[in-house]
C-alpha atoms as a PDB file:
ATOM      1  CA  MET A   1      -0.019  -0.037  -0.014  1.00  0.00           C
ATOM      2  CA  SER A   2       1.374   3.348  -0.780  1.00  0.00           C
ATOM      3  CA  ALA A   3       0.648   6.329   1.754  1.00  0.00           C
ATOM      4  CA  LYS A   4      -1.187   9.665   0.603  1.00  0.00           C
ATOM      5  CA  ILE A   5       0.617  12.462   2.246  1.00  0.00           C
ATOM      6  CA  LEU A   6      -1.041  15.807   2.677  1.00  0.00           C
ATOM      7  CA  ILE A   7       1.452  18.706   2.894  1.00  0.00           C
ATOM      8  CA  PHE A   8       0.487  22.467   4.110  1.00  0.00           C
ATOM      9  CA  ALA A   9       2.090  25.286   5.998  1.00  0.00           C
ATOM     10  CA  GLY A  10       0.557  26.635   8.957  1.00  0.00           C
ATOM     11  CA  SER A  11       0.869  30.273   7.154  1.00  0.00           C
ATOM     12  CA  SER A  12      -1.156  31.644   4.432  1.00  0.00           C
ATOM     13  CA  ARG A  13       1.356  34.549   3.749  1.00  0.00           C
ATOM     14  CA  LYS A  14       2.751  34.732   0.108  1.00  0.00           C
ATOM     15  CA  GLY A  15       6.536  34.928   1.266  1.00  0.00           C
ATOM     16  CA  SER A  16       6.379  32.488   4.310  1.00  0.00           C
ATOM     17  CA  PHE A  17       9.285  30.746   4.802  1.00  0.00           C
ATOM     18  CA  ASN A  18       7.340  27.792   6.000  1.00  0.00           C
ATOM     19  CA  LYS A  19       4.955  27.944   2.788  1.00  0.00           C
ATOM     20  CA  LYS A  20       8.375  27.509   0.968  1.00  0.00           C
ATOM     21  CA  LEU A  21       9.423  24.715   2.902  1.00  0.00           C
ATOM     22  CA  ALA A  22       6.021  22.899   2.721  1.00  0.00           C
ATOM     23  CA  LYS A  23       6.572  23.416  -1.193  1.00  0.00           C
ATOM     24  CA  VAL A  24       9.852  21.783  -1.042  1.00  0.00           C
ATOM     25  CA  SER A  25       8.710  19.008   1.118  1.00  0.00           C
ATOM     26  CA  TYR A  26       5.975  18.156  -1.914  1.00  0.00           C
ATOM     27  CA  SER A  27       8.506  18.256  -4.484  1.00  0.00           C
ATOM     28  CA  ILE A  28      10.667  16.189  -2.676  1.00  0.00           C
ATOM     29  CA  ALA A  29       7.810  13.544  -1.998  1.00  0.00           C
ATOM     30  CA  ILE A  30       6.859  13.890  -5.764  1.00  0.00           C
ATOM     31  CA  GLU A  31      10.779  13.010  -6.445  1.00  0.00           C
ATOM     32  CA  LEU A  32      10.347   9.939  -4.179  1.00  0.00           C
ATOM     33  CA  GLY A  33       7.234   8.732  -6.012  1.00  0.00           C
ATOM     34  CA  ILE A  34       5.140   9.473  -3.030  1.00  0.00           C
ATOM     35  CA  ASP A  35       1.266  10.176  -3.676  1.00  0.00           C
ATOM     36  CA  ALA A  36       1.444  13.709  -2.146  1.00  0.00           C
ATOM     37  CA  THR A  37      -0.768  16.611  -2.015  1.00  0.00           C
ATOM     38  CA  PHE A  38      -0.009  20.416  -1.453  1.00  0.00           C
ATOM     39  CA  ILE A  39      -2.580  22.435   0.160  1.00  0.00           C
ATOM     40  CA  ASP A  40      -2.375  26.189   0.687  1.00  0.00           C
ATOM     41  CA  LEU A  41      -4.425  27.435   3.612  1.00  0.00           C
ATOM     42  CA  HIS A  42      -4.785  30.780   1.768  1.00  0.00           C
ATOM     43  CA  ASP A  43      -7.187  28.778  -0.365  1.00  0.00           C
ATOM     44  CA  TYR A  44      -9.365  27.640   2.496  1.00  0.00           C
ATOM     45  CA  PRO A  45     -10.355  30.693   4.571  1.00  0.00           C
ATOM     46  CA  MET A  46     -12.237  30.091   7.969  1.00  0.00           C
ATOM     47  CA  PRO A  47     -13.857  32.377  10.252  1.00  0.00           C
ATOM     48  CA  LEU A  48     -12.345  32.248  13.801  1.00  0.00           C
ATOM     49  CA  TYR A  49     -13.820  29.116  15.604  1.00  0.00           C
ATOM     50  CA  ASN A  50     -16.829  29.934  17.318  1.00  0.00           C
ATOM     51  CA  GLY A  51     -19.445  27.251  18.914  1.00  0.00           C
ATOM     52  CA  ASP A  52     -22.187  29.696  18.321  1.00  0.00           C
ATOM     53  CA  LEU A  53     -21.558  29.938  14.559  1.00  0.00           C
ATOM     54  CA  GLU A  54     -21.133  26.532  14.315  1.00  0.00           C
ATOM     55  CA  GLU A  55     -24.496  25.688  16.068  1.00  0.00           C
ATOM     56  CA  GLU A  56     -26.240  27.982  13.993  1.00  0.00           C
ATOM     57  CA  SER A  57     -25.040  27.311  10.491  1.00  0.00           C
ATOM     58  CA  GLY A  58     -22.616  24.236  10.909  1.00  0.00           C
ATOM     59  CA  LEU A  59     -19.370  23.706   9.295  1.00  0.00           C
ATOM     60  CA  PRO A  60     -18.459  26.357   6.893  1.00  0.00           C
ATOM     61  CA  ASN A  61     -17.847  25.012   3.207  1.00  0.00           C
ATOM     62  CA  ASN A  62     -14.136  25.791   3.341  1.00  0.00           C
ATOM     63  CA  VAL A  63     -14.054  23.651   6.704  1.00  0.00           C
ATOM     64  CA  LEU A  64     -16.105  20.790   5.010  1.00  0.00           C
ATOM     65  CA  ASN A  65     -13.724  20.968   1.890  1.00  0.00           C
ATOM     66  CA  PHE A  66     -10.503  20.736   3.931  1.00  0.00           C
ATOM     67  CA  LYS A  67     -11.466  18.196   6.183  1.00  0.00           C
ATOM     68  CA  LYS A  68     -12.503  15.954   3.281  1.00  0.00           C
ATOM     69  CA  ILE A  69      -9.064  16.413   1.978  1.00  0.00           C
ATOM     70  CA  VAL A  70      -7.349  15.575   5.480  1.00  0.00           C
ATOM     71  CA  THR A  71      -9.808  12.609   5.711  1.00  0.00           C
ATOM     72  CA  GLU A  72      -8.631  11.292   2.279  1.00  0.00           C
ATOM     73  CA  HIS A  73      -4.838  10.923   3.314  1.00  0.00           C
ATOM     74  CA  ASP A  74      -2.961   8.809   5.417  1.00  0.00           C
ATOM     75  CA  ALA A  75      -0.249  11.229   6.859  1.00  0.00           C
ATOM     76  CA  ILE A  76      -0.065  14.869   7.046  1.00  0.00           C
ATOM     77  CA  LEU A  77       3.087  17.147   7.049  1.00  0.00           C
ATOM     78  CA  ILE A  78       2.794  20.325   8.610  1.00  0.00           C
ATOM     79  CA  ALA A  79       5.353  23.229   8.135  1.00  0.00           C
ATOM     80  CA  SER A  80       4.568  25.412  10.986  1.00  0.00           C
ATOM     81  CA  PRO A  81       6.022  28.998  11.754  1.00  0.00           C
ATOM     82  CA  GLU A  82       6.652  29.913  15.254  1.00  0.00           C
ATOM     83  CA  TYR A  83       4.413  32.553  16.856  1.00  0.00           C
ATOM     84  CA  ASN A  84       5.596  33.748  20.458  1.00  0.00           C
ATOM     85  CA  GLY A  85       6.915  30.179  21.222  1.00  0.00           C
ATOM     86  CA  SER A  86       4.152  28.379  19.768  1.00  0.00           C
ATOM     87  CA  PHE A  87       2.423  27.749  16.541  1.00  0.00           C
ATOM     88  CA  SER A  88       0.305  29.944  14.390  1.00  0.00           C
ATOM     89  CA  PRO A  89      -3.362  31.026  15.206  1.00  0.00           C
ATOM     90  CA  LEU A  90      -4.305  30.148  11.667  1.00  0.00           C
ATOM     91  CA  LEU A  91      -2.999  26.524  12.249  1.00  0.00           C
ATOM     92  CA  LYS A  92      -4.713  26.460  15.541  1.00  0.00           C
ATOM     93  CA  ASN A  93      -8.139  27.553  13.941  1.00  0.00           C
ATOM     94  CA  THR A  94      -7.824  25.258  11.074  1.00  0.00           C
ATOM     95  CA  ILE A  95      -7.284  22.351  13.323  1.00  0.00           C
ATOM     96  CA  ASP A  96     -10.069  23.363  15.740  1.00  0.00           C
ATOM     97  CA  TRP A  97     -12.642  23.525  12.840  1.00  0.00           C
ATOM     98  CA  ILE A  98     -11.795  20.198  11.282  1.00  0.00           C
ATOM     99  CA  SER A  99     -11.689  18.534  14.525  1.00  0.00           C
ATOM    100  CA  ARG A 100     -15.582  19.251  14.864  1.00  0.00           C
ATOM    101  CA  PRO A 101     -17.888  16.307  13.746  1.00  0.00           C
ATOM    102  CA  HIS A 102     -20.535  17.277  11.322  1.00  0.00           C
ATOM    103  CA  TYR A 103     -22.330  14.397  10.191  1.00  0.00           C
ATOM    104  CA  PRO A 104     -24.989  12.418  12.239  1.00  0.00           C
ATOM    105  CA  ASP A 105     -22.912   9.690  14.323  1.00  0.00           C
ATOM    106  CA  GLU A 106     -19.479  10.976  13.253  1.00  0.00           C
ATOM    107  CA  PRO A 107     -17.142   9.803  15.478  1.00  0.00           C
ATOM    108  CA  PRO A 108     -15.038  12.864  17.431  1.00  0.00           C
ATOM    109  CA  LEU A 109     -11.846  13.866  15.640  1.00  0.00           C
ATOM    110  CA  SER A 110     -12.657  11.766  12.635  1.00  0.00           C
ATOM    111  CA  ALA A 111     -10.537  13.656  10.353  1.00  0.00           C
ATOM    112  CA  PHE A 112      -7.348  12.720  12.481  1.00  0.00           C
ATOM    113  CA  GLN A 113      -8.119   9.137  13.323  1.00  0.00           C
ATOM    114  CA  HIS A 114      -5.429   6.814  11.938  1.00  0.00           C
ATOM    115  CA  LYS A 115      -3.215   9.389  10.712  1.00  0.00           C
ATOM    116  CA  ILE A 116       0.467   9.513  10.945  1.00  0.00           C
ATOM    117  CA  THR A 117       1.760  13.214  11.149  1.00  0.00           C
ATOM    118  CA  ALA A 118       5.521  14.901  10.839  1.00  0.00           C
ATOM    119  CA  VAL A 119       6.194  18.517  11.793  1.00  0.00           C
ATOM    120  CA  VAL A 120       8.749  20.713  10.260  1.00  0.00           C
ATOM    121  CA  ALA A 121       9.564  24.604  10.586  1.00  0.00           C
ATOM    122  CA  THR A 122      11.848  27.109   9.510  1.00  0.00           C
ATOM    123  CA  SER A 123      12.705  30.853  10.820  1.00  0.00           C
ATOM    124  CA  PRO A 124      14.773  33.703  10.400  1.00  0.00           C
ATOM    125  CA  GLY A 125      15.657  33.294  13.895  1.00  0.00           C
ATOM    126  CA  GLY A 126      18.603  31.124  15.400  1.00  0.00           C
ATOM    127  CA  LEU A 127      16.097  28.227  16.608  1.00  0.00           C
ATOM    128  CA  GLY A 128      14.419  27.640  13.372  1.00  0.00           C
ATOM    129  CA  GLY A 129      10.811  27.674  14.627  1.00  0.00           C
ATOM    130  CA  MET A 130      11.787  24.555  17.205  1.00  0.00           C
ATOM    131  CA  ARG A 131       9.784  26.058  20.215  1.00  0.00           C
ATOM    132  CA  GLY A 132       6.628  26.061  18.121  1.00  0.00           C
ATOM    133  CA  LEU A 133       7.016  22.228  17.374  1.00  0.00           C
ATOM    134  CA  VAL A 134       6.751  21.246  20.927  1.00  0.00           C
ATOM    135  CA  PRO A 135       3.113  22.628  21.480  1.00  0.00           C
ATOM    136  CA  LEU A 136       2.241  21.246  18.173  1.00  0.00           C
ATOM    137  CA  ARG A 137       3.411  17.865  18.861  1.00  0.00           C
ATOM    138  CA  MET A 138       1.536  18.216  22.060  1.00  0.00           C
ATOM    139  CA  LEU A 139      -1.788  19.112  19.996  1.00  0.00           C
ATOM    140  CA  LEU A 140      -1.519  16.718  17.236  1.00  0.00           C
ATOM    141  CA  SER A 141      -1.077  13.752  19.972  1.00  0.00           C
ATOM    142  CA  ASN A 142      -4.271  14.914  21.837  1.00  0.00           C
ATOM    143  CA  LEU A 143      -6.120  14.649  18.601  1.00  0.00           C
ATOM    144  CA  SER A 144      -5.057  10.981  18.481  1.00  0.00           C
ATOM    145  CA  THR A 145      -2.478  11.235  15.665  1.00  0.00           C
ATOM    146  CA  ILE A 146       0.588   9.561  15.744  1.00  0.00           C
ATOM    147  CA  VAL A 147       3.582  12.273  15.371  1.00  0.00           C
ATOM    148  CA  ILE A 148       6.856  10.651  14.148  1.00  0.00           C
ATOM    149  CA  PRO A 149       9.995  11.476  16.426  1.00  0.00           C
ATOM    150  CA  GLU A 150      11.706  12.839  13.570  1.00  0.00           C
ATOM    151  CA  GLN A 151      11.493  16.475  12.863  1.00  0.00           C
ATOM    152  CA  LEU A 152      13.340  19.210  11.241  1.00  0.00           C
ATOM    153  CA  ALA A 153      13.948  23.077  12.245  1.00  0.00           C
ATOM    154  CA  ILE A 154      15.898  25.190   9.780  1.00  0.00           C
ATOM    155  CA  SER A 155      17.191  28.314  11.334  1.00  0.00           C
ATOM    156  CA  HIS A 156      18.358  31.460   9.588  1.00  0.00           C
ATOM    157  CA  ALA A 157      15.874  30.421   6.816  1.00  0.00           C
ATOM    158  CA  ALA A 158      17.050  33.367   4.464  1.00  0.00           C
ATOM    159  CA  ASN A 159      20.610  31.709   3.979  1.00  0.00           C
ATOM    160  CA  PHE A 160      19.051  28.591   2.628  1.00  0.00           C
ATOM    161  CA  PHE A 161      16.159  29.476   0.344  1.00  0.00           C
ATOM    162  CA  ASP A 162      16.847  30.777  -2.982  1.00  0.00           C
ATOM    163  CA  SER A 163      14.577  33.706  -4.752  1.00  0.00           C
ATOM    164  CA  ASP A 164      12.558  30.817  -6.400  1.00  0.00           C
ATOM    165  CA  GLY A 165      11.603  29.418  -2.949  1.00  0.00           C
ATOM    166  CA  GLU A 166      14.085  26.209  -3.287  1.00  0.00           C
ATOM    167  CA  LEU A 167      15.842  24.796  -0.498  1.00  0.00           C
ATOM    168  CA  VAL A 168      19.453  25.120  -1.559  1.00  0.00           C
ATOM    169  CA  ASP A 169      21.287  23.643   1.484  1.00  0.00           C
ATOM    170  CA  SER A 170      21.858  19.784   0.583  1.00  0.00           C
ATOM    171  CA  LYS A 171      22.385  18.707   4.146  1.00  0.00           C
ATOM    172  CA  HIS A 172      18.703  20.085   4.845  1.00  0.00           C
ATOM    173  CA  ARG A 173      17.470  18.708   1.840  1.00  0.00           C
ATOM    174  CA  LYS A 174      18.796  15.543   2.675  1.00  0.00           C
ATOM    175  CA  SER A 175      17.201  15.733   6.121  1.00  0.00           C
ATOM    176  CA  LEU A 176      13.907  16.683   4.693  1.00  0.00           C
ATOM    177  CA  SER A 177      14.007  13.770   2.270  1.00  0.00           C
ATOM    178  CA  ASN A 178      14.659  11.360   5.215  1.00  0.00           C
ATOM    179  CA  LEU A 179      12.085  12.627   7.266  1.00  0.00           C
ATOM    180  CA  ILE A 180       9.495  12.161   4.303  1.00  0.00           C
ATOM    181  CA  LYS A 181      10.720   8.688   3.802  1.00  0.00           C
ATOM    182  CA  ARG A 182      10.352   7.904   7.720  1.00  0.00           C
ATOM    183  CA  LEU A 183       6.648   9.302   7.366  1.00  0.00           C
ATOM    184  CA  VAL A 184       5.893   7.092   4.618  1.00  0.00           C
ATOM    185  CA  GLU A 185       7.514   3.951   6.494  1.00  0.00           C
ATOM    186  CA  PHE A 186       5.202   4.690   9.487  1.00  0.00           C
ATOM    187  CA  CYS A 187       2.389   4.556   7.413  1.00  0.00           C
END
């Protein structure tokens, strides 16, 4: 069985280093012959999660569409920016929405059941987004996903991505490739 991997960044910003890292991850997965999908959260805008809104009108269409995509994949790779030592509000909001049941008798956290996840980060700073990966791992574990132990945090991002968004450092590319291979092995 071949694993299907969903890859996205916890940022919708055009120039986001983490979006670049997610796109490079997707390219590497394709080069490895892996069935992968890249999604840009910019294409799935969601309101701030609000239980009253959910009760009044159910899950918004973009939530349902994104949740369907997550459900159709075996694994998820998230490139997460670090905001004040944690992951982005956009990523938290997205996860909160897609964790909600929609259909009658839908099990809790159905989009995350039986998922294997991997986390990576990059940042212009010296820690490469590492501090944000810790709470993200905790959240994903609380959602019953299996988070692989391998991760990658690339510090001083501006030094390692060219103007086309390519990761030009061979050491980091190899580490990312190995992480993706490991994600597939876990599946």
